[in-house]
């Protein structure tokens, strides 16, 4: 486990009506990463840990869309989240 100074977090947003691809809306390490995770937990936003993906995403600018080479991996994460959300709401 990384200590808080090494921990990194990235938050993505995808609104199909406004975005061509998911966008980085928050990123940080240490204290900021902890705050991102705490806000996600507070608002019941699923957290997916993927150190390799986070490393790549932290290099993007805020509000930048993810590049096409990440569409596949991010689509898998979004599908997982949508399934969790549907199951949580009791819609089968």
PDB file of N, CA and C in Angstrom:
ATOM      1  N   UNK A   1       0.850  -1.184   0.000  1.00  0.00           N
ATOM      2  CA  UNK A   1       0.000   0.000   0.000  1.00  0.00           C
ATOM      3  C   UNK A   1       0.886   1.234   0.000  1.00  0.00           C
ATOM      4  N   UNK A   2       0.518   2.203  -0.804  1.00  0.00           N
ATOM      5  CA  UNK A   2       1.264   3.452  -0.852  1.00  0.00           C
ATOM      6  C   UNK A   2       0.869   4.320   0.334  1.00  0.00           C
ATOM      7  N   UNK A   3       1.812   5.121   0.816  1.00  0.00           N
ATOM      8  CA  UNK A   3       1.400   6.090   1.827  1.00  0.00           C
ATOM      9  C   UNK A   3       0.656   7.217   1.116  1.00  0.00           C
ATOM     10  N   UNK A   4       0.006   8.093   1.885  1.00  0.00           N
ATOM     11  CA  UNK A   4      -0.844   9.125   1.298  1.00  0.00           C
ATOM     12  C   UNK A   4      -0.072  10.066   0.379  1.00  0.00           C
ATOM     13  N   UNK A   5       1.217  10.245   0.572  1.00  0.00           N
ATOM     14  CA  UNK A   5       1.979  11.138  -0.299  1.00  0.00           C
ATOM     15  C   UNK A   5       2.165  10.542  -1.684  1.00  0.00           C
ATOM     16  N   UNK A   6       2.113   9.224  -1.794  1.00  0.00           N
ATOM     17  CA  UNK A   6       2.304   8.569  -3.090  1.00  0.00           C
ATOM     18  C   UNK A   6       0.981   8.190  -3.751  1.00  0.00           C
ATOM     19  N   UNK A   7      -0.082   8.123  -2.988  1.00  0.00           N
ATOM     20  CA  UNK A   7      -1.377   7.738  -3.521  1.00  0.00           C
ATOM     21  C   UNK A   7      -1.858   8.764  -4.542  1.00  0.00           C
ATOM     22  N   UNK A   8      -2.416   8.275  -5.645  1.00  0.00           N
ATOM     23  CA  UNK A   8      -2.949   9.147  -6.693  1.00  0.00           C
ATOM     24  C   UNK A   8      -4.394   8.760  -6.963  1.00  0.00           C
ATOM     25  N   UNK A   9      -5.172   9.741  -7.390  1.00  0.00           N
ATOM     26  CA  UNK A   9      -6.568   9.481  -7.745  1.00  0.00           C
ATOM     27  C   UNK A   9      -6.961  10.387  -8.901  1.00  0.00           C
ATOM     28  N   UNK A  10      -7.868   9.875  -9.712  1.00  0.00           N
ATOM     29  CA  UNK A  10      -8.407  10.623 -10.847  1.00  0.00           C
ATOM     30  C   UNK A  10      -9.913  10.388 -10.871  1.00  0.00           C
ATOM     31  N   UNK A  11     -10.659  11.446 -11.137  1.00  0.00           N
ATOM     32  CA  UNK A  11     -12.111  11.332 -11.296  1.00  0.00           C
ATOM     33  C   UNK A  11     -12.452  11.622 -12.751  1.00  0.00           C
ATOM     34  N   UNK A  12     -13.303  10.774 -13.308  1.00  0.00           N
ATOM     35  CA  UNK A  12     -13.750  10.946 -14.685  1.00  0.00           C
ATOM     36  C   UNK A  12     -15.236  11.283 -14.704  1.00  0.00           C
ATOM     37  N   UNK A  13     -15.632  12.013 -15.717  1.00  0.00           N
ATOM     38  CA  UNK A  13     -17.049  12.303 -15.947  1.00  0.00           C
ATOM     39  C   UNK A  13     -17.333  11.969 -17.401  1.00  0.00           C
ATOM     40  N   UNK A  14     -18.496  11.352 -17.618  1.00  0.00           N
ATOM     41  CA  UNK A  14     -18.928  11.105 -18.984  1.00  0.00           C
ATOM     42  C   UNK A  14     -20.408  11.434 -19.088  1.00  0.00           C
ATOM     43  N   UNK A  15     -20.711  12.440 -19.878  1.00  0.00           N
ATOM     44  CA  UNK A  15     -22.081  12.834 -20.161  1.00  0.00           C
ATOM     45  C   UNK A  15     -22.254  12.750 -21.677  1.00  0.00           C
ATOM     46  N   UNK A  16     -22.846  11.652 -22.160  1.00  0.00           N
ATOM     47  CA  UNK A  16     -22.942  11.434 -23.611  1.00  0.00           C
ATOM     48  C   UNK A  16     -23.543  12.606 -24.377  1.00  0.00           C
ATOM     49  N   UNK A  17     -24.457  13.320 -23.749  1.00  0.00           N
ATOM     50  CA  UNK A  17     -25.083  14.446 -24.445  1.00  0.00           C
ATOM     51  C   UNK A  17     -24.133  15.635 -24.603  1.00  0.00           C
ATOM     52  N   UNK A  18     -23.066  15.701 -23.794  1.00  0.00           N
ATOM     53  CA  UNK A  18     -22.134  16.829 -23.839  1.00  0.00           C
ATOM     54  C   UNK A  18     -20.704  16.457 -24.218  1.00  0.00           C
ATOM     55  N   UNK A  19     -20.320  15.223 -23.971  1.00  0.00           N
ATOM     56  CA  UNK A  19     -18.931  14.809 -24.142  1.00  0.00           C
ATOM     57  C   UNK A  19     -18.799  13.769 -25.246  1.00  0.00           C
ATOM     58  N   UNK A  20     -17.716  13.866 -26.013  1.00  0.00           N
ATOM     59  CA  UNK A  20     -17.400  12.831 -26.997  1.00  0.00           C
ATOM     60  C   UNK A  20     -16.761  11.620 -26.328  1.00  0.00           C
ATOM     61  N   UNK A  21     -16.121  11.847 -25.198  1.00  0.00           N
ATOM     62  CA  UNK A  21     -15.441  10.791 -24.453  1.00  0.00           C
ATOM     63  C   UNK A  21     -15.389  11.222 -22.989  1.00  0.00           C
ATOM     64  N   UNK A  22     -15.116  10.280 -22.077  1.00  0.00           N
ATOM     65  CA  UNK A  22     -14.970  10.669 -20.667  1.00  0.00           C
ATOM     66  C   UNK A  22     -13.875  11.726 -20.505  1.00  0.00           C
ATOM     67  N   UNK A  23     -14.065  12.593 -19.537  1.00  0.00           N
ATOM     68  CA  UNK A  23     -13.115  13.676 -19.251  1.00  0.00           C
ATOM     69  C   UNK A  23     -12.567  13.543 -17.839  1.00  0.00           C
ATOM     70  N   UNK A  24     -11.337  13.986 -17.660  1.00  0.00           N
ATOM     71  CA  UNK A  24     -10.723  14.069 -16.337  1.00  0.00           C
ATOM     72  C   UNK A  24     -11.288  15.328 -15.670  1.00  0.00           C
ATOM     73  N   UNK A  25     -11.989  15.149 -14.547  1.00  0.00           N
ATOM     74  CA  UNK A  25     -12.556  16.317 -13.873  1.00  0.00           C
ATOM     75  C   UNK A  25     -11.883  16.617 -12.536  1.00  0.00           C
ATOM     76  N   UNK A  26     -11.062  15.701 -12.061  1.00  0.00           N
ATOM     77  CA  UNK A  26     -10.288  15.941 -10.845  1.00  0.00           C
ATOM     78  C   UNK A  26      -9.118  14.964 -10.846  1.00  0.00           C
ATOM     79  N   UNK A  27      -8.002  15.431 -10.301  1.00  0.00           N
ATOM     80  CA  UNK A  27      -6.845  14.545 -10.174  1.00  0.00           C
ATOM     81  C   UNK A  27      -5.942  15.100  -9.094  1.00  0.00           C
ATOM     82  N   UNK A  28      -5.205  14.215  -8.470  1.00  0.00           N
ATOM     83  CA  UNK A  28      -4.275  14.672  -7.451  1.00  0.00           C
ATOM     84  C   UNK A  28      -3.589  13.506  -6.773  1.00  0.00           C
ATOM     85  N   UNK A  29      -2.677  13.854  -5.874  1.00  0.00           N
ATOM     86  CA  UNK A  29      -1.981  12.820  -5.103  1.00  0.00           C
ATOM     87  C   UNK A  29      -1.947  13.249  -3.649  1.00  0.00           C
ATOM     88  N   UNK A  30      -1.638  12.311  -2.788  1.00  0.00           N
ATOM     89  CA  UNK A  30      -1.573  12.601  -1.367  1.00  0.00           C
ATOM     90  C   UNK A  30      -2.921  13.037  -0.819  1.00  0.00           C
ATOM     91  N   UNK A  31      -2.926  14.199  -0.189  1.00  0.00           N
ATOM     92  CA  UNK A  31      -4.133  14.720   0.443  1.00  0.00           C
ATOM     93  C   UNK A  31      -5.263  14.906  -0.568  1.00  0.00           C
ATOM     94  N   UNK A  32      -4.956  15.423  -1.744  1.00  0.00           N
ATOM     95  CA  UNK A  32      -5.978  15.644  -2.771  1.00  0.00           C
ATOM     96  C   UNK A  32      -6.590  14.311  -3.209  1.00  0.00           C
ATOM     97  N   UNK A  33      -5.771  13.290  -3.392  1.00  0.00           N
ATOM     98  CA  UNK A  33      -6.267  11.968  -3.764  1.00  0.00           C
ATOM     99  C   UNK A  33      -7.217  11.441  -2.694  1.00  0.00           C
ATOM    100  N   UNK A  34      -6.840  11.641  -1.450  1.00  0.00           N
ATOM    101  CA  UNK A  34      -7.697  11.198  -0.346  1.00  0.00           C
ATOM    102  C   UNK A  34      -9.037  11.935  -0.382  1.00  0.00           C
ATOM    103  N   UNK A  35      -9.015  13.227  -0.667  1.00  0.00           N
ATOM    104  CA  UNK A  35     -10.247  14.008  -0.747  1.00  0.00           C
ATOM    105  C   UNK A  35     -11.126  13.535  -1.911  1.00  0.00           C
ATOM    106  N   UNK A  36     -10.532  13.227  -3.038  1.00  0.00           N
ATOM    107  CA  UNK A  36     -11.287  12.709  -4.181  1.00  0.00           C
ATOM    108  C   UNK A  36     -11.990  11.409  -3.799  1.00  0.00           C
ATOM    109  N   UNK A  37     -11.270  10.516  -3.139  1.00  0.00           N
ATOM    110  CA  UNK A  37     -11.853   9.241  -2.727  1.00  0.00           C
ATOM    111  C   UNK A  37     -12.953   9.441  -1.693  1.00  0.00           C
ATOM    112  N   UNK A  38     -12.745  10.342  -0.741  1.00  0.00           N
ATOM    113  CA  UNK A  38     -13.757  10.593   0.286  1.00  0.00           C
ATOM    114  C   UNK A  38     -15.040  11.169  -0.322  1.00  0.00           C
ATOM    115  N   UNK A  39     -14.890  12.080  -1.281  1.00  0.00           N
ATOM    116  CA  UNK A  39     -16.075  12.631  -1.951  1.00  0.00           C
ATOM    117  C   UNK A  39     -16.807  11.547  -2.743  1.00  0.00           C
ATOM    118  N   UNK A  40     -16.045  10.685  -3.405  1.00  0.00           N
ATOM    119  CA  UNK A  40     -16.666   9.585  -4.151  1.00  0.00           C
ATOM    120  C   UNK A  40     -17.469   8.696  -3.202  1.00  0.00           C
ATOM    121  N   UNK A  41     -16.892   8.365  -2.072  1.00  0.00           N
ATOM    122  CA  UNK A  41     -17.593   7.533  -1.096  1.00  0.00           C
ATOM    123  C   UNK A  41     -18.828   8.247  -0.555  1.00  0.00           C
ATOM    124  N   UNK A  42     -18.698   9.536  -0.259  1.00  0.00           N
ATOM    125  CA  UNK A  42     -19.815  10.317   0.277  1.00  0.00           C
ATOM    126  C   UNK A  42     -20.998  10.339  -0.681  1.00  0.00           C
ATOM    127  N   UNK A  43     -20.728  10.399  -1.975  1.00  0.00           N
ATOM    128  CA  UNK A  43     -21.783  10.462  -2.983  1.00  0.00           C
ATOM    129  C   UNK A  43     -22.062   9.114  -3.640  1.00  0.00           C
ATOM    130  N   UNK A  44     -21.563   8.033  -3.008  1.00  0.00           N
ATOM    131  CA  UNK A  44     -21.786   6.672  -3.507  1.00  0.00           C
ATOM    132  C   UNK A  44     -21.343   6.489  -4.955  1.00  0.00           C
ATOM    133  N   UNK A  45     -20.228   7.097  -5.284  1.00  0.00           N
ATOM    134  CA  UNK A  45     -19.635   6.930  -6.608  1.00  0.00           C
ATOM    135  C   UNK A  45     -18.642   5.778  -6.516  1.00  0.00           C
ATOM    136  N   UNK A  46     -18.808   4.758  -7.346  1.00  0.00           N
ATOM    137  CA  UNK A  46     -17.902   3.608  -7.273  1.00  0.00           C
ATOM    138  C   UNK A  46     -16.454   4.010  -7.531  1.00  0.00           C
ATOM    139  N   UNK A  47     -15.571   3.330  -6.846  1.00  0.00           N
ATOM    140  CA  UNK A  47     -14.132   3.560  -6.987  1.00  0.00           C
ATOM    141  C   UNK A  47     -13.516   2.302  -7.588  1.00  0.00           C
ATOM    142  N   UNK A  48     -12.754   2.489  -8.630  1.00  0.00           N
ATOM    143  CA  UNK A  48     -12.041   1.377  -9.269  1.00  0.00           C
ATOM    144  C   UNK A  48     -10.553   1.671  -9.151  1.00  0.00           C
ATOM    145  N   UNK A  49      -9.824   0.780  -8.513  1.00  0.00           N
ATOM    146  CA  UNK A  49      -8.385   0.971  -8.368  1.00  0.00           C
ATOM    147  C   UNK A  49      -7.658   0.313  -9.533  1.00  0.00           C
ATOM    148  N   UNK A  50      -6.886   1.116 -10.239  1.00  0.00           N
ATOM    149  CA  UNK A  50      -6.078   0.644 -11.355  1.00  0.00           C
ATOM    150  C   UNK A  50      -4.877   1.578 -11.448  1.00  0.00           C
ATOM    151  N   UNK A  51      -3.798   1.208 -10.791  1.00  0.00           N
ATOM    152  CA  UNK A  51      -2.621   2.082 -10.698  1.00  0.00           C
ATOM    153  C   UNK A  51      -2.060   2.477 -12.052  1.00  0.00           C
ATOM    154  N   UNK A  52      -2.044   1.548 -12.978  1.00  0.00           N
ATOM    155  CA  UNK A  52      -1.502   1.833 -14.312  1.00  0.00           C
ATOM    156  C   UNK A  52      -2.360   2.878 -15.037  1.00  0.00           C
ATOM    157  N   UNK A  53      -3.674   2.713 -14.958  1.00  0.00           N
ATOM    158  CA  UNK A  53      -4.583   3.665 -15.592  1.00  0.00           C
ATOM    159  C   UNK A  53      -4.472   5.035 -14.936  1.00  0.00           C
ATOM    160  N   UNK A  54      -4.399   5.075 -13.612  1.00  0.00           N
ATOM    161  CA  UNK A  54      -4.263   6.349 -12.900  1.00  0.00           C
ATOM    162  C   UNK A  54      -2.981   7.059 -13.311  1.00  0.00           C
ATOM    163  N   UNK A  55      -1.906   6.324 -13.449  1.00  0.00           N
ATOM    164  CA  UNK A  55      -0.637   6.932 -13.876  1.00  0.00           C
ATOM    165  C   UNK A  55      -0.803   7.634 -15.222  1.00  0.00           C
ATOM    166  N   UNK A  56      -1.485   6.977 -16.134  1.00  0.00           N
ATOM    167  CA  UNK A  56      -1.679   7.573 -17.455  1.00  0.00           C
ATOM    168  C   UNK A  56      -2.616   8.773 -17.381  1.00  0.00           C
ATOM    169  N   UNK A  57      -3.724   8.629 -16.652  1.00  0.00           N
ATOM    170  CA  UNK A  57      -4.727   9.691 -16.584  1.00  0.00           C
ATOM    171  C   UNK A  57      -4.224  10.945 -15.865  1.00  0.00           C
ATOM    172  N   UNK A  58      -3.319  10.781 -14.900  1.00  0.00           N
ATOM    173  CA  UNK A  58      -2.807  11.968 -14.199  1.00  0.00           C
ATOM    174  C   UNK A  58      -1.961  12.849 -15.109  1.00  0.00           C
ATOM    175  N   UNK A  59      -1.518  12.311 -16.219  1.00  0.00           N
ATOM    176  CA  UNK A  59      -0.729  13.105 -17.169  1.00  0.00           C
ATOM    177  C   UNK A  59      -1.613  13.987 -18.059  1.00  0.00           C
ATOM    178  N   UNK A  60      -2.920  13.709 -18.072  1.00  0.00           N
ATOM    179  CA  UNK A  60      -3.841  14.517 -18.873  1.00  0.00           C
ATOM    180  C   UNK A  60      -4.175  15.807 -18.128  1.00  0.00           C
ATOM    181  N   UNK A  61      -4.554  16.823 -18.884  1.00  0.00           N
ATOM    182  CA  UNK A  61      -4.988  18.084 -18.285  1.00  0.00           C
ATOM    183  C   UNK A  61      -6.406  17.937 -17.751  1.00  0.00           C
ATOM    184  N   UNK A  62      -6.756  18.777 -16.778  1.00  0.00           N
ATOM    185  CA  UNK A  62      -8.125  18.796 -16.290  1.00  0.00           C
ATOM    186  C   UNK A  62      -9.068  19.124 -17.435  1.00  0.00           C
ATOM    187  N   UNK A  63     -10.187  18.445 -17.461  1.00  0.00           N
ATOM    188  CA  UNK A  63     -11.255  18.572 -18.457  1.00  0.00           C
ATOM    189  C   UNK A  63     -10.866  18.073 -19.844  1.00  0.00           C
ATOM    190  N   UNK A  64      -9.688  17.477 -19.958  1.00  0.00           N
ATOM    191  CA  UNK A  64      -9.276  16.873 -21.221  1.00  0.00           C
ATOM    192  C   UNK A  64      -9.991  15.530 -21.384  1.00  0.00           C
ATOM    193  N   UNK A  65     -10.443  15.261 -22.604  1.00  0.00           N
ATOM    194  CA  UNK A  65     -11.036  13.959 -22.884  1.00  0.00           C
ATOM    195  C   UNK A  65      -9.945  12.901 -22.902  1.00  0.00           C
ATOM    196  N   UNK A  66     -10.322  11.694 -22.503  1.00  0.00           N
ATOM    197  CA  UNK A  66      -9.342  10.606 -22.563  1.00  0.00           C
ATOM    198  C   UNK A  66      -9.031  10.309 -24.025  1.00  0.00           C
ATOM    199  N   UNK A  67      -7.827   9.855 -24.310  1.00  0.00           N
ATOM    200  CA  UNK A  67      -7.455   9.538 -25.696  1.00  0.00           C
ATOM    201  C   UNK A  67      -8.097   8.230 -26.154  1.00  0.00           C
ATOM    202  N   UNK A  68      -8.267   8.077 -27.460  1.00  0.00           N
ATOM    203  CA  UNK A  68      -8.918   6.876 -28.008  1.00  0.00           C
ATOM    204  C   UNK A  68      -8.306   5.554 -27.541  1.00  0.00           C
ATOM    205  N   UNK A  69      -7.003   5.522 -27.309  1.00  0.00           N
ATOM    206  CA  UNK A  69      -6.385   4.248 -26.893  1.00  0.00           C
ATOM    207  C   UNK A  69      -6.858   3.784 -25.520  1.00  0.00           C
ATOM    208  N   UNK A  70      -7.525   4.659 -24.756  1.00  0.00           N
ATOM    209  CA  UNK A  70      -8.048   4.262 -23.442  1.00  0.00           C
ATOM    210  C   UNK A  70      -9.545   3.972 -23.474  1.00  0.00           C
ATOM    211  N   UNK A  71     -10.202   4.144 -24.610  1.00  0.00           N
ATOM    212  CA  UNK A  71     -11.646   3.934 -24.685  1.00  0.00           C
ATOM    213  C   UNK A  71     -12.044   2.543 -24.195  1.00  0.00           C
ATOM    214  N   UNK A  72     -11.322   1.527 -24.617  1.00  0.00           N
ATOM    215  CA  UNK A  72     -11.677   0.151 -24.254  1.00  0.00           C
ATOM    216  C   UNK A  72     -11.652  -0.090 -22.763  1.00  0.00           C
ATOM    217  N   UNK A  73     -10.562   0.268 -22.118  1.00  0.00           N
ATOM    218  CA  UNK A  73     -10.440   0.013 -20.684  1.00  0.00           C
ATOM    219  C   UNK A  73     -11.427   0.868 -19.884  1.00  0.00           C
ATOM    220  N   UNK A  74     -11.625   2.114 -20.283  1.00  0.00           N
ATOM    221  CA  UNK A  74     -12.572   2.973 -19.574  1.00  0.00           C
ATOM    222  C   UNK A  74     -14.004   2.498 -19.827  1.00  0.00           C
ATOM    223  N   UNK A  75     -14.301   2.022 -21.030  1.00  0.00           N
ATOM    224  CA  UNK A  75     -15.632   1.486 -21.326  1.00  0.00           C
ATOM    225  C   UNK A  75     -15.944   0.285 -20.437  1.00  0.00           C
ATOM    226  N   UNK A  76     -14.958  -0.571 -20.198  1.00  0.00           N
ATOM    227  CA  UNK A  76     -15.156  -1.707 -19.298  1.00  0.00           C
ATOM    228  C   UNK A  76     -15.476  -1.236 -17.884  1.00  0.00           C
ATOM    229  N   UNK A  77     -14.779  -0.216 -17.416  1.00  0.00           N
ATOM    230  CA  UNK A  77     -15.028   0.322 -16.082  1.00  0.00           C
ATOM    231  C   UNK A  77     -16.426   0.938 -16.010  1.00  0.00           C
ATOM    232  N   UNK A  78     -16.796   1.726 -17.031  1.00  0.00           N
ATOM    233  CA  UNK A  78     -18.128   2.341 -17.045  1.00  0.00           C
ATOM    234  C   UNK A  78     -19.230   1.286 -17.094  1.00  0.00           C
ATOM    235  N   UNK A  79     -19.040   0.227 -17.886  1.00  0.00           N
ATOM    236  CA  UNK A  79     -20.030  -0.844 -17.951  1.00  0.00           C
ATOM    237  C   UNK A  79     -20.182  -1.510 -16.583  1.00  0.00           C
ATOM    238  N   UNK A  80     -19.081  -1.739 -15.903  1.00  0.00           N
ATOM    239  CA  UNK A  80     -19.108  -2.318 -14.562  1.00  0.00           C
ATOM    240  C   UNK A  80     -19.880  -1.415 -13.610  1.00  0.00           C
ATOM    241  N   UNK A  81     -19.619  -0.099 -13.673  1.00  0.00           N
ATOM    242  CA  UNK A  81     -20.297   0.855 -12.799  1.00  0.00           C
ATOM    243  C   UNK A  81     -21.793   0.909 -13.109  1.00  0.00           C
ATOM    244  N   UNK A  82     -22.156   0.951 -14.385  1.00  0.00           N
ATOM    245  CA  UNK A  82     -23.574   0.993 -14.754  1.00  0.00           C
ATOM    246  C   UNK A  82     -24.293  -0.260 -14.281  1.00  0.00           C
ATOM    247  N   UNK A  83     -23.633  -1.414 -14.365  1.00  0.00           N
ATOM    248  CA  UNK A  83     -24.223  -2.662 -13.891  1.00  0.00           C
ATOM    249  C   UNK A  83     -24.411  -2.621 -12.385  1.00  0.00           C
ATOM    250  N   UNK A  84     -23.403  -2.137 -11.673  1.00  0.00           N
ATOM    251  CA  UNK A  84     -23.519  -2.016 -10.214  1.00  0.00           C
ATOM    252  C   UNK A  84     -24.664  -1.080  -9.854  1.00  0.00           C
ATOM    253  N   UNK A  85     -24.758   0.032 -10.542  1.00  0.00           N
ATOM    254  CA  UNK A  85     -25.799   1.014 -10.269  1.00  0.00           C
ATOM    255  C   UNK A  85     -27.176   0.420 -10.528  1.00  0.00           C
ATOM    256  N   UNK A  86     -27.324  -0.283 -11.631  1.00  0.00           N
ATOM    257  CA  UNK A  86     -28.602  -0.917 -11.959  1.00  0.00           C
ATOM    258  C   UNK A  86     -28.977  -1.944 -10.906  1.00  0.00           C
ATOM    259  N   UNK A  87     -28.010  -2.767 -10.508  1.00  0.00           N
ATOM    260  CA  UNK A  87     -28.276  -3.787  -9.494  1.00  0.00           C
ATOM    261  C   UNK A  87     -28.607  -3.147  -8.149  1.00  0.00           C
ATOM    262  N   UNK A  88     -27.930  -2.077  -7.827  1.00  0.00           N
ATOM    263  CA  UNK A  88     -28.181  -1.364  -6.572  1.00  0.00           C
ATOM    264  C   UNK A  88     -29.609  -0.825  -6.535  1.00  0.00           C
ATOM    265  N   UNK A  89     -30.106  -0.364  -7.684  1.00  0.00           N
ATOM    266  CA  UNK A  89     -31.450   0.183  -7.767  1.00  0.00           C
ATOM    267  C   UNK A  89     -32.507  -0.897  -7.915  1.00  0.00           C
ATOM    268  N   UNK A  90     -32.074  -2.151  -7.996  1.00  0.00           N
ATOM    269  CA  UNK A  90     -33.009  -3.268  -8.065  1.00  0.00           C
ATOM    270  C   UNK A  90     -33.613  -3.495  -9.440  1.00  0.00           C
ATOM    271  N   UNK A  91     -32.980  -2.978 -10.485  1.00  0.00           N
ATOM    272  CA  UNK A  91     -33.467  -3.167 -11.847  1.00  0.00           C
ATOM    273  C   UNK A  91     -32.695  -4.320 -12.480  1.00  0.00           C
ATOM    274  N   UNK A  92     -33.375  -5.395 -12.742  1.00  0.00           N
ATOM    275  CA  UNK A  92     -32.692  -6.539 -13.326  1.00  0.00           C
ATOM    276  C   UNK A  92     -33.093  -6.688 -14.731  1.00  0.00           C
TER     277      UNK A  92
END
